[in-house]
Amino acid sequence: MKQRGLVFMVMVVLVGAMTARAAERAADPAGSPVASPTGAAAVAMFRGNPARTGAMPGPGPAGGPSLAWRFHTGGTIFSSPAVAGGVVYVGSDDGNLYAVDAATGQERWRFAARGKIGSSPAVVAGVVYVGSQDQNLYAVDAATGQERWRFHTGGTTFSSPAVRVRCERRPIDGPVRP
């Protein structure tokens, strides 16, 4: 019997003692990729940042890739994965958003949307944002997979969300200005 679904393969470049957690600690709160001392980077959204530049800081990987693990979903994967906090987040045509341990390939959780997920997730401040063909944009807790909220878009969502965190600067001494 043929097994349905596309095999999700993750190619991991082995660079010394690099870990996904070290890369995540180096990422800034806005989700932009930031190089770690080992040269690794967290890629928390499609093409690396809200501007979609695709630019990655630091030197490229040394050596060739090797297969670390495989993960099967019940459908085809069109979404690009997002990597944050040692977890790979990816949507599937089976209607699920998956959180997979980057080191082991073990499923941490899955979130069931009401339609296919072709949108690439964005991970910012402990929340995974992803669009679905069920006409919703979802905000899902990155640690638990529980839905925080959803927004009905009124149309199928194929594009990937870009999330920007606004930081306010306030003076340490003196009055606060609007």
N, C-alpha and C. Protein backbone atom coordinates (compact mmCIF):
# COMPACT_ATOMS: atom_id res chain seq x y z
N MET A 1 0.85 -1.19 0.00
CA MET A 1 0.00 0.00 0.00
C MET A 1 0.88 1.24 0.00
N LYS A 2 0.58 2.17 -0.88
CA LYS A 2 1.35 3.40 -0.96
C LYS A 2 0.99 4.33 0.19
N GLN A 3 1.99 4.95 0.74
CA GLN A 3 1.73 5.90 1.83
C GLN A 3 1.46 7.26 1.21
N ARG A 4 0.35 7.90 1.68
CA ARG A 4 -0.03 9.21 1.15
C ARG A 4 0.77 10.30 1.81
N GLY A 5 0.88 11.39 1.11
CA GLY A 5 1.54 12.55 1.69
C GLY A 5 2.96 12.68 1.20
N LEU A 6 3.43 13.84 1.33
CA LEU A 6 4.78 14.16 0.92
C LEU A 6 5.70 14.04 2.12
N VAL A 7 6.85 13.52 1.89
CA VAL A 7 7.83 13.40 2.96
C VAL A 7 8.48 14.76 3.15
N PHE A 8 8.41 15.23 4.37
CA PHE A 8 9.03 16.51 4.70
C PHE A 8 10.44 16.21 5.19
N MET A 9 11.41 16.60 4.41
CA MET A 9 12.79 16.32 4.77
C MET A 9 13.48 17.61 5.17
N VAL A 10 14.20 17.52 6.21
CA VAL A 10 14.95 18.67 6.68
C VAL A 10 16.42 18.37 6.50
N MET A 11 17.06 19.25 5.80
CA MET A 11 18.50 19.11 5.61
C MET A 11 19.18 20.01 6.63
N VAL A 12 20.02 19.44 7.40
CA VAL A 12 20.70 20.19 8.44
C VAL A 12 22.18 20.22 8.14
N VAL A 13 22.74 21.38 8.19
CA VAL A 13 24.17 21.53 7.99
C VAL A 13 24.83 21.43 9.35
N LEU A 14 25.75 20.53 9.47
CA LEU A 14 26.43 20.35 10.74
C LEU A 14 27.61 21.31 10.80
N VAL A 15 27.54 22.25 11.69
CA VAL A 15 28.60 23.25 11.84
C VAL A 15 29.06 23.21 13.29
N GLY A 16 30.10 22.47 13.55
CA GLY A 16 30.63 22.38 14.91
C GLY A 16 29.58 21.96 15.91
N ALA A 17 29.49 22.66 16.99
CA ALA A 17 28.54 22.35 18.07
C ALA A 17 27.32 23.23 18.01
N MET A 18 26.96 23.70 16.82
CA MET A 18 25.83 24.60 16.63
C MET A 18 24.54 23.92 17.05
N THR A 19 23.66 24.66 17.71
CA THR A 19 22.34 24.15 18.06
C THR A 19 21.29 25.16 17.65
N ALA A 20 20.10 24.69 17.42
CA ALA A 20 19.00 25.58 17.06
C ALA A 20 18.68 26.54 18.19
N ARG A 21 18.83 26.08 19.44
CA ARG A 21 18.54 26.97 20.57
C ARG A 21 19.52 28.13 20.64
N ALA A 22 20.77 27.90 20.32
CA ALA A 22 21.74 28.99 20.33
C ALA A 22 21.39 30.01 19.26
N ALA A 23 20.92 29.53 18.12
CA ALA A 23 20.52 30.45 17.05
C ALA A 23 19.31 31.27 17.48
N GLU A 24 18.35 30.65 18.14
CA GLU A 24 17.16 31.39 18.57
C GLU A 24 17.51 32.47 19.58
N ARG A 25 18.42 32.16 20.50
CA ARG A 25 18.80 33.17 21.49
C ARG A 25 19.42 34.38 20.81
N ALA A 26 19.98 34.18 19.62
CA ALA A 26 20.61 35.28 18.90
C ALA A 26 19.62 36.10 18.09
N ALA A 27 18.38 35.61 17.90
CA ALA A 27 17.40 36.32 17.08
C ALA A 27 16.84 37.52 17.84
N ASP A 28 16.59 38.59 17.09
CA ASP A 28 16.04 39.77 17.75
C ASP A 28 14.53 39.61 17.91
N PRO A 29 13.87 40.42 18.77
CA PRO A 29 12.45 40.23 19.03
C PRO A 29 11.56 40.46 17.83
N ALA A 30 12.02 41.14 16.82
CA ALA A 30 11.19 41.40 15.64
C ALA A 30 11.18 40.22 14.69
N GLY A 31 11.96 39.18 14.97
CA GLY A 31 11.96 38.01 14.12
C GLY A 31 12.95 38.08 12.98
N SER A 32 13.75 39.12 12.90
CA SER A 32 14.75 39.21 11.86
C SER A 32 15.88 38.24 12.15
N PRO A 33 16.44 37.61 11.13
CA PRO A 33 17.52 36.69 11.40
C PRO A 33 18.75 37.45 11.88
N VAL A 34 19.39 36.92 12.90
CA VAL A 34 20.59 37.52 13.45
C VAL A 34 21.60 36.42 13.63
N ALA A 35 22.80 36.64 13.19
CA ALA A 35 23.83 35.61 13.28
C ALA A 35 24.20 35.33 14.73
N SER A 36 24.42 34.07 15.02
CA SER A 36 24.93 33.68 16.33
C SER A 36 26.44 33.58 16.22
N PRO A 37 27.14 33.39 17.33
CA PRO A 37 28.58 33.25 17.26
C PRO A 37 29.03 32.08 16.39
N THR A 38 28.18 31.06 16.22
CA THR A 38 28.55 29.91 15.40
C THR A 38 28.19 30.08 13.94
N GLY A 39 27.50 31.17 13.60
CA GLY A 39 27.12 31.40 12.21
C GLY A 39 25.72 30.92 11.89
N ALA A 40 25.02 30.35 12.84
CA ALA A 40 23.65 29.88 12.60
C ALA A 40 22.70 31.06 12.69
N ALA A 41 21.51 30.90 12.15
CA ALA A 41 20.50 31.96 12.25
C ALA A 41 19.13 31.34 12.42
N ALA A 42 18.28 31.99 13.19
CA ALA A 42 16.88 31.59 13.29
C ALA A 42 16.15 32.27 12.14
N VAL A 43 15.31 31.54 11.46
CA VAL A 43 14.53 32.10 10.35
C VAL A 43 13.07 31.98 10.76
N ALA A 44 12.57 33.04 11.39
CA ALA A 44 11.25 32.99 12.02
C ALA A 44 10.11 33.34 11.08
N MET A 45 10.41 33.72 9.85
CA MET A 45 9.34 33.99 8.89
C MET A 45 9.88 33.88 7.47
N PHE A 46 8.96 33.82 6.50
CA PHE A 46 9.29 33.66 5.10
C PHE A 46 10.31 34.71 4.64
N ARG A 47 11.37 34.27 4.03
CA ARG A 47 12.48 35.10 3.53
C ARG A 47 13.16 35.89 4.64
N GLY A 48 13.00 35.43 5.90
CA GLY A 48 13.83 35.90 6.99
C GLY A 48 13.41 37.10 7.80
N ASN A 49 12.58 38.00 7.23
CA ASN A 49 12.22 39.21 7.98
C ASN A 49 10.99 39.86 7.35
N PRO A 50 10.40 40.84 8.05
CA PRO A 50 9.18 41.46 7.51
C PRO A 50 9.37 42.13 6.15
N ALA A 51 10.58 42.56 5.84
CA ALA A 51 10.84 43.21 4.55
C ALA A 51 11.00 42.19 3.43
N ARG A 52 11.08 40.91 3.77
CA ARG A 52 11.23 39.82 2.79
C ARG A 52 12.50 39.93 1.95
N THR A 53 13.59 40.40 2.56
CA THR A 53 14.82 40.60 1.81
C THR A 53 15.52 39.29 1.49
N GLY A 54 15.35 38.28 2.32
CA GLY A 54 16.03 37.02 2.11
C GLY A 54 17.49 37.06 2.51
N ALA A 55 17.94 38.22 2.99
CA ALA A 55 19.34 38.35 3.38
C ALA A 55 19.58 37.67 4.72
N MET A 56 20.64 36.90 4.79
CA MET A 56 21.01 36.23 6.03
C MET A 56 22.39 36.74 6.45
N PRO A 57 22.52 37.14 7.71
CA PRO A 57 23.80 37.69 8.15
C PRO A 57 24.85 36.60 8.33
N GLY A 58 26.09 37.03 8.31
CA GLY A 58 27.18 36.12 8.62
C GLY A 58 27.60 35.27 7.45
N PRO A 59 28.59 34.43 7.67
CA PRO A 59 29.09 33.57 6.59
C PRO A 59 28.09 32.45 6.31
N GLY A 60 28.18 31.89 5.13
CA GLY A 60 27.33 30.77 4.77
C GLY A 60 27.78 29.50 5.47
N PRO A 61 27.00 28.44 5.34
CA PRO A 61 27.36 27.19 6.00
C PRO A 61 28.63 26.58 5.40
N ALA A 62 29.36 25.87 6.22
CA ALA A 62 30.56 25.17 5.77
C ALA A 62 30.21 23.72 5.52
N GLY A 63 30.65 23.17 4.43
CA GLY A 63 30.38 21.77 4.13
C GLY A 63 29.02 21.58 3.49
N GLY A 64 28.71 20.34 3.20
CA GLY A 64 27.45 20.00 2.55
C GLY A 64 26.38 19.62 3.54
N PRO A 65 25.13 19.63 3.10
CA PRO A 65 24.03 19.25 3.99
C PRO A 65 23.96 17.73 4.18
N SER A 66 23.33 17.32 5.25
CA SER A 66 23.07 15.90 5.47
C SER A 66 21.66 15.75 6.03
N LEU A 67 21.03 14.63 5.74
CA LEU A 67 19.67 14.39 6.20
C LEU A 67 19.70 14.07 7.69
N ALA A 68 18.97 14.86 8.48
CA ALA A 68 18.93 14.65 9.93
C ALA A 68 17.71 13.83 10.33
N TRP A 69 16.56 14.07 9.68
CA TRP A 69 15.34 13.35 9.98
C TRP A 69 14.31 13.61 8.89
N ARG A 70 13.23 12.85 8.92
CA ARG A 70 12.10 13.01 8.00
C ARG A 70 10.84 13.13 8.84
N PHE A 71 9.89 13.90 8.34
CA PHE A 71 8.62 14.05 9.03
C PHE A 71 7.51 13.93 7.99
N HIS A 72 6.55 13.06 8.24
CA HIS A 72 5.44 12.83 7.31
C HIS A 72 4.21 13.61 7.76
N THR A 73 3.56 14.28 6.80
CA THR A 73 2.27 14.91 7.05
C THR A 73 1.24 14.16 6.21
N GLY A 74 -0.01 14.47 6.42
CA GLY A 74 -1.07 13.82 5.65
C GLY A 74 -1.36 14.50 4.33
N GLY A 75 -0.52 15.45 3.93
CA GLY A 75 -0.74 16.17 2.68
C GLY A 75 0.55 16.74 2.12
N THR A 76 0.41 17.42 1.02
CA THR A 76 1.55 18.07 0.38
C THR A 76 1.92 19.33 1.16
N ILE A 77 3.19 19.65 1.16
CA ILE A 77 3.66 20.86 1.83
C ILE A 77 4.09 21.88 0.78
N PHE A 78 3.40 23.02 0.77
CA PHE A 78 3.77 24.13 -0.10
C PHE A 78 4.38 25.26 0.72
N SER A 79 4.12 25.26 2.00
CA SER A 79 4.59 26.31 2.90
C SER A 79 6.09 26.15 3.16
N SER A 80 6.79 27.27 3.26
CA SER A 80 8.19 27.24 3.69
C SER A 80 8.19 27.15 5.21
N PRO A 81 9.09 26.38 5.79
CA PRO A 81 9.10 26.29 7.26
C PRO A 81 9.67 27.55 7.90
N ALA A 82 9.26 27.78 9.14
CA ALA A 82 9.86 28.81 9.98
C ALA A 82 10.55 28.07 11.12
N VAL A 83 11.71 28.56 11.53
CA VAL A 83 12.48 27.92 12.59
C VAL A 83 12.70 28.93 13.70
N ALA A 84 12.28 28.58 14.92
CA ALA A 84 12.45 29.47 16.07
C ALA A 84 12.46 28.62 17.34
N GLY A 85 13.35 28.92 18.25
CA GLY A 85 13.39 28.24 19.54
C GLY A 85 13.61 26.75 19.45
N GLY A 86 14.35 26.30 18.44
CA GLY A 86 14.61 24.87 18.30
C GLY A 86 13.43 24.09 17.75
N VAL A 87 12.47 24.79 17.15
CA VAL A 87 11.27 24.15 16.61
C VAL A 87 11.09 24.57 15.15
N VAL A 88 10.69 23.62 14.32
CA VAL A 88 10.36 23.87 12.92
C VAL A 88 8.84 23.92 12.83
N TYR A 89 8.30 25.01 12.28
CA TYR A 89 6.85 25.18 12.11
C TYR A 89 6.56 25.13 10.62
N VAL A 90 5.60 24.29 10.23
CA VAL A 90 5.27 24.16 8.81
C VAL A 90 3.80 23.79 8.65
N GLY A 91 3.17 24.36 7.61
CA GLY A 91 1.78 24.05 7.30
C GLY A 91 1.70 22.99 6.23
N SER A 92 0.55 22.32 6.16
CA SER A 92 0.37 21.23 5.20
C SER A 92 -1.02 21.32 4.57
N ASP A 93 -1.15 20.71 3.40
CA ASP A 93 -2.45 20.63 2.72
C ASP A 93 -3.44 19.75 3.48
N ASP A 94 -2.98 19.03 4.49
CA ASP A 94 -3.91 18.24 5.30
C ASP A 94 -4.67 19.12 6.31
N GLY A 95 -4.39 20.45 6.29
CA GLY A 95 -5.09 21.39 7.15
C GLY A 95 -4.46 21.58 8.51
N ASN A 96 -3.27 21.04 8.71
CA ASN A 96 -2.60 21.16 10.00
C ASN A 96 -1.37 22.05 9.93
N LEU A 97 -1.14 22.75 11.03
CA LEU A 97 0.12 23.45 11.27
C LEU A 97 0.88 22.56 12.24
N TYR A 98 2.12 22.21 11.89
CA TYR A 98 2.91 21.31 12.71
C TYR A 98 4.05 22.04 13.39
N ALA A 99 4.34 21.63 14.63
CA ALA A 99 5.53 22.06 15.36
C ALA A 99 6.37 20.81 15.54
N VAL A 100 7.58 20.84 14.99
CA VAL A 100 8.46 19.67 14.99
C VAL A 100 9.78 20.04 15.65
N ASP A 101 10.24 19.21 16.57
CA ASP A 101 11.51 19.46 17.23
C ASP A 101 12.63 19.44 16.19
N ALA A 102 13.38 20.53 16.10
CA ALA A 102 14.41 20.66 15.08
C ALA A 102 15.55 19.66 15.26
N ALA A 103 15.82 19.25 16.48
CA ALA A 103 16.93 18.32 16.73
C ALA A 103 16.56 16.87 16.47
N THR A 104 15.31 16.48 16.82
CA THR A 104 14.93 15.07 16.75
C THR A 104 13.95 14.72 15.64
N GLY A 105 13.21 15.72 15.13
CA GLY A 105 12.18 15.45 14.13
C GLY A 105 10.88 14.93 14.72
N GLN A 106 10.76 14.97 16.04
CA GLN A 106 9.54 14.51 16.70
C GLN A 106 8.49 15.62 16.74
N GLU A 107 7.25 15.24 16.49
CA GLU A 107 6.15 16.20 16.54
C GLU A 107 5.95 16.67 17.98
N ARG A 108 5.89 17.99 18.16
CA ARG A 108 5.58 18.56 19.48
C ARG A 108 4.08 18.78 19.63
N TRP A 109 3.46 19.31 18.57
CA TRP A 109 2.03 19.51 18.55
C TRP A 109 1.58 19.74 17.12
N ARG A 110 0.28 19.68 16.92
CA ARG A 110 -0.31 20.06 15.63
C ARG A 110 -1.58 20.86 15.91
N PHE A 111 -1.81 21.83 15.07
CA PHE A 111 -3.01 22.67 15.17
C PHE A 111 -3.83 22.44 13.92
N ALA A 112 -5.10 22.10 14.09
CA ALA A 112 -5.99 21.83 12.96
C ALA A 112 -6.77 23.08 12.58
N ALA A 113 -6.48 23.60 11.39
CA ALA A 113 -7.27 24.69 10.82
C ALA A 113 -8.46 24.05 10.11
N ARG A 114 -9.31 24.86 9.55
CA ARG A 114 -10.49 24.33 8.85
C ARG A 114 -10.27 24.22 7.35
N GLY A 115 -9.03 24.45 6.91
CA GLY A 115 -8.70 24.36 5.49
C GLY A 115 -7.22 24.11 5.31
N LYS A 116 -6.81 23.91 4.06
CA LYS A 116 -5.41 23.67 3.75
C LYS A 116 -4.56 24.86 4.18
N ILE A 117 -3.30 24.57 4.55
CA ILE A 117 -2.36 25.63 4.93
C ILE A 117 -1.20 25.62 3.94
N GLY A 118 -1.19 26.61 3.05
CA GLY A 118 -0.10 26.79 2.10
C GLY A 118 0.74 27.99 2.47
N SER A 119 0.23 28.78 3.39
CA SER A 119 0.92 29.97 3.88
C SER A 119 2.11 29.56 4.74
N SER A 120 3.23 30.26 4.59
CA SER A 120 4.40 30.00 5.44
C SER A 120 4.19 30.70 6.77
N PRO A 121 4.41 30.01 7.88
CA PRO A 121 4.19 30.63 9.18
C PRO A 121 5.23 31.69 9.51
N ALA A 122 4.85 32.60 10.41
CA ALA A 122 5.77 33.58 10.97
C ALA A 122 5.70 33.40 12.49
N VAL A 123 6.86 33.39 13.15
CA VAL A 123 6.92 33.18 14.59
C VAL A 123 7.52 34.42 15.24
N VAL A 124 6.75 35.08 16.09
CA VAL A 124 7.20 36.29 16.77
C VAL A 124 6.67 36.28 18.20
N ALA A 125 7.56 36.48 19.16
CA ALA A 125 7.20 36.63 20.57
C ALA A 125 6.29 35.51 21.09
N GLY A 126 6.63 34.27 20.74
CA GLY A 126 5.89 33.12 21.25
C GLY A 126 4.58 32.84 20.56
N VAL A 127 4.33 33.48 19.42
CA VAL A 127 3.08 33.26 18.67
C VAL A 127 3.43 32.89 17.23
N VAL A 128 2.72 31.88 16.70
CA VAL A 128 2.87 31.48 15.30
C VAL A 128 1.68 32.04 14.55
N TYR A 129 1.94 32.82 13.50
CA TYR A 129 0.89 33.40 12.66
C TYR A 129 0.88 32.65 11.34
N VAL A 130 -0.31 32.21 10.92
CA VAL A 130 -0.40 31.47 9.66
C VAL A 130 -1.78 31.66 9.05
N GLY A 131 -1.82 31.75 7.73
CA GLY A 131 -3.07 31.87 7.01
C GLY A 131 -3.51 30.51 6.50
N SER A 132 -4.83 30.37 6.26
CA SER A 132 -5.39 29.11 5.79
C SER A 132 -6.37 29.37 4.66
N GLN A 133 -6.62 28.31 3.89
CA GLN A 133 -7.59 28.42 2.81
C GLN A 133 -9.02 28.44 3.35
N ASP A 134 -9.18 28.36 4.67
CA ASP A 134 -10.51 28.49 5.27
C ASP A 134 -10.89 29.96 5.50
N GLN A 135 -10.10 30.87 4.96
CA GLN A 135 -10.33 32.32 5.01
C GLN A 135 -10.04 32.91 6.39
N ASN A 136 -9.15 32.28 7.15
CA ASN A 136 -8.76 32.79 8.45
C ASN A 136 -7.26 32.98 8.55
N LEU A 137 -6.88 34.00 9.33
CA LEU A 137 -5.51 34.18 9.76
C LEU A 137 -5.50 33.76 11.22
N TYR A 138 -4.64 32.82 11.58
CA TYR A 138 -4.60 32.29 12.93
C TYR A 138 -3.38 32.79 13.69
N ALA A 139 -3.55 32.98 15.00
CA ALA A 139 -2.46 33.21 15.93
C ALA A 139 -2.48 32.03 16.89
N VAL A 140 -1.39 31.25 16.88
CA VAL A 140 -1.32 30.01 17.64
C VAL A 140 -0.16 30.10 18.62
N ASP A 141 -0.38 29.68 19.85
CA ASP A 141 0.68 29.69 20.86
C ASP A 141 1.80 28.76 20.41
N ALA A 142 3.03 29.29 20.32
CA ALA A 142 4.16 28.52 19.82
C ALA A 142 4.54 27.36 20.73
N ALA A 143 4.28 27.47 22.02
CA ALA A 143 4.66 26.42 22.97
C ALA A 143 3.63 25.30 23.05
N THR A 144 2.34 25.66 22.96
CA THR A 144 1.29 24.67 23.21
C THR A 144 0.48 24.26 21.99
N GLY A 145 0.47 25.09 20.94
CA GLY A 145 -0.35 24.81 19.77
C GLY A 145 -1.80 25.21 19.94
N GLN A 146 -2.11 25.91 21.03
CA GLN A 146 -3.48 26.36 21.27
C GLN A 146 -3.77 27.66 20.50
N GLU A 147 -4.95 27.75 19.93
CA GLU A 147 -5.34 28.96 19.21
C GLU A 147 -5.48 30.11 20.19
N ARG A 148 -4.85 31.24 19.86
CA ARG A 148 -5.01 32.46 20.67
C ARG A 148 -6.15 33.30 20.11
N TRP A 149 -6.17 33.44 18.79
CA TRP A 149 -7.25 34.15 18.13
C TRP A 149 -7.21 33.82 16.65
N ARG A 150 -8.29 34.21 15.96
CA ARG A 150 -8.34 34.09 14.51
C ARG A 150 -9.02 35.32 13.95
N PHE A 151 -8.68 35.66 12.73
CA PHE A 151 -9.29 36.79 12.04
C PHE A 151 -9.82 36.30 10.70
N HIS A 152 -11.10 36.50 10.47
CA HIS A 152 -11.71 36.08 9.21
C HIS A 152 -11.34 37.11 8.14
N THR A 153 -10.63 36.67 7.11
CA THR A 153 -10.13 37.59 6.08
C THR A 153 -11.13 37.85 4.97
N GLY A 154 -12.10 36.98 4.82
CA GLY A 154 -13.07 37.14 3.75
C GLY A 154 -12.61 36.55 2.43
N GLY A 155 -11.43 35.96 2.41
CA GLY A 155 -10.91 35.32 1.21
C GLY A 155 -9.83 34.32 1.58
N THR A 156 -9.51 33.46 0.63
CA THR A 156 -8.47 32.45 0.86
C THR A 156 -7.13 33.13 1.11
N THR A 157 -6.41 32.66 2.11
CA THR A 157 -5.11 33.24 2.45
C THR A 157 -4.00 32.33 1.96
N PHE A 158 -3.30 32.77 0.92
CA PHE A 158 -2.16 32.02 0.39
C PHE A 158 -0.85 32.65 0.83
N SER A 159 -0.86 33.96 1.00
CA SER A 159 0.39 34.64 1.30
C SER A 159 0.81 34.41 2.75
N SER A 160 2.06 34.68 3.01
CA SER A 160 2.63 34.46 4.33
C SER A 160 2.60 35.76 5.13
N PRO A 161 2.22 35.68 6.40
CA PRO A 161 2.15 36.91 7.20
C PRO A 161 3.54 37.47 7.48
N ALA A 162 3.61 38.78 7.52
CA ALA A 162 4.82 39.48 7.95
C ALA A 162 4.45 40.18 9.25
N VAL A 163 5.23 39.98 10.27
CA VAL A 163 4.92 40.52 11.59
C VAL A 163 6.05 41.43 12.02
N ARG A 164 5.67 42.61 12.44
CA ARG A 164 6.67 43.56 12.92
C ARG A 164 6.30 43.92 14.35
N VAL A 165 7.28 43.86 15.22
CA VAL A 165 7.08 44.23 16.61
C VAL A 165 7.48 45.68 16.77
N ARG A 166 6.58 46.47 17.33
CA ARG A 166 6.87 47.89 17.52
C ARG A 166 7.52 48.08 18.88
N CYS A 167 8.66 48.71 18.87
CA CYS A 167 9.36 49.02 20.11
C CYS A 167 9.31 50.52 20.35
N GLU A 168 8.90 50.91 21.52
CA GLU A 168 8.85 52.32 21.85
C GLU A 168 10.07 52.68 22.68
N ARG A 169 10.65 53.81 22.37
CA ARG A 169 11.78 54.30 23.14
C ARG A 169 11.30 55.40 24.06
N ARG A 170 11.65 55.27 25.30
CA ARG A 170 11.27 56.29 26.29
C ARG A 170 12.53 56.74 26.99
N PRO A 171 12.59 58.05 27.30
CA PRO A 171 13.79 58.56 28.00
C PRO A 171 13.84 58.02 29.43
N ILE A 172 15.06 57.80 29.89
CA ILE A 172 15.24 57.30 31.25
C ILE A 172 14.95 58.42 32.25
N ASP A 173 15.43 59.62 31.95
CA ASP A 173 15.19 60.78 32.80
C ASP A 173 14.41 61.81 32.01
N GLY A 174 13.54 62.51 32.68
CA GLY A 174 12.79 63.58 32.01
C GLY A 174 11.40 63.15 31.64
N PRO A 175 10.65 64.04 31.04
CA PRO A 175 9.25 63.77 30.71
C PRO A 175 9.13 62.79 29.53
N VAL A 176 8.02 62.09 29.52
CA VAL A 176 7.70 61.19 28.40
C VAL A 176 6.99 62.01 27.35
N ARG A 177 7.49 61.96 26.14
CA ARG A 177 6.89 62.72 25.04
C ARG A 177 6.08 61.77 24.18
N PRO A 178 4.96 62.24 23.65
CA PRO A 178 4.12 61.38 22.78
C PRO A 178 4.79 61.06 21.47
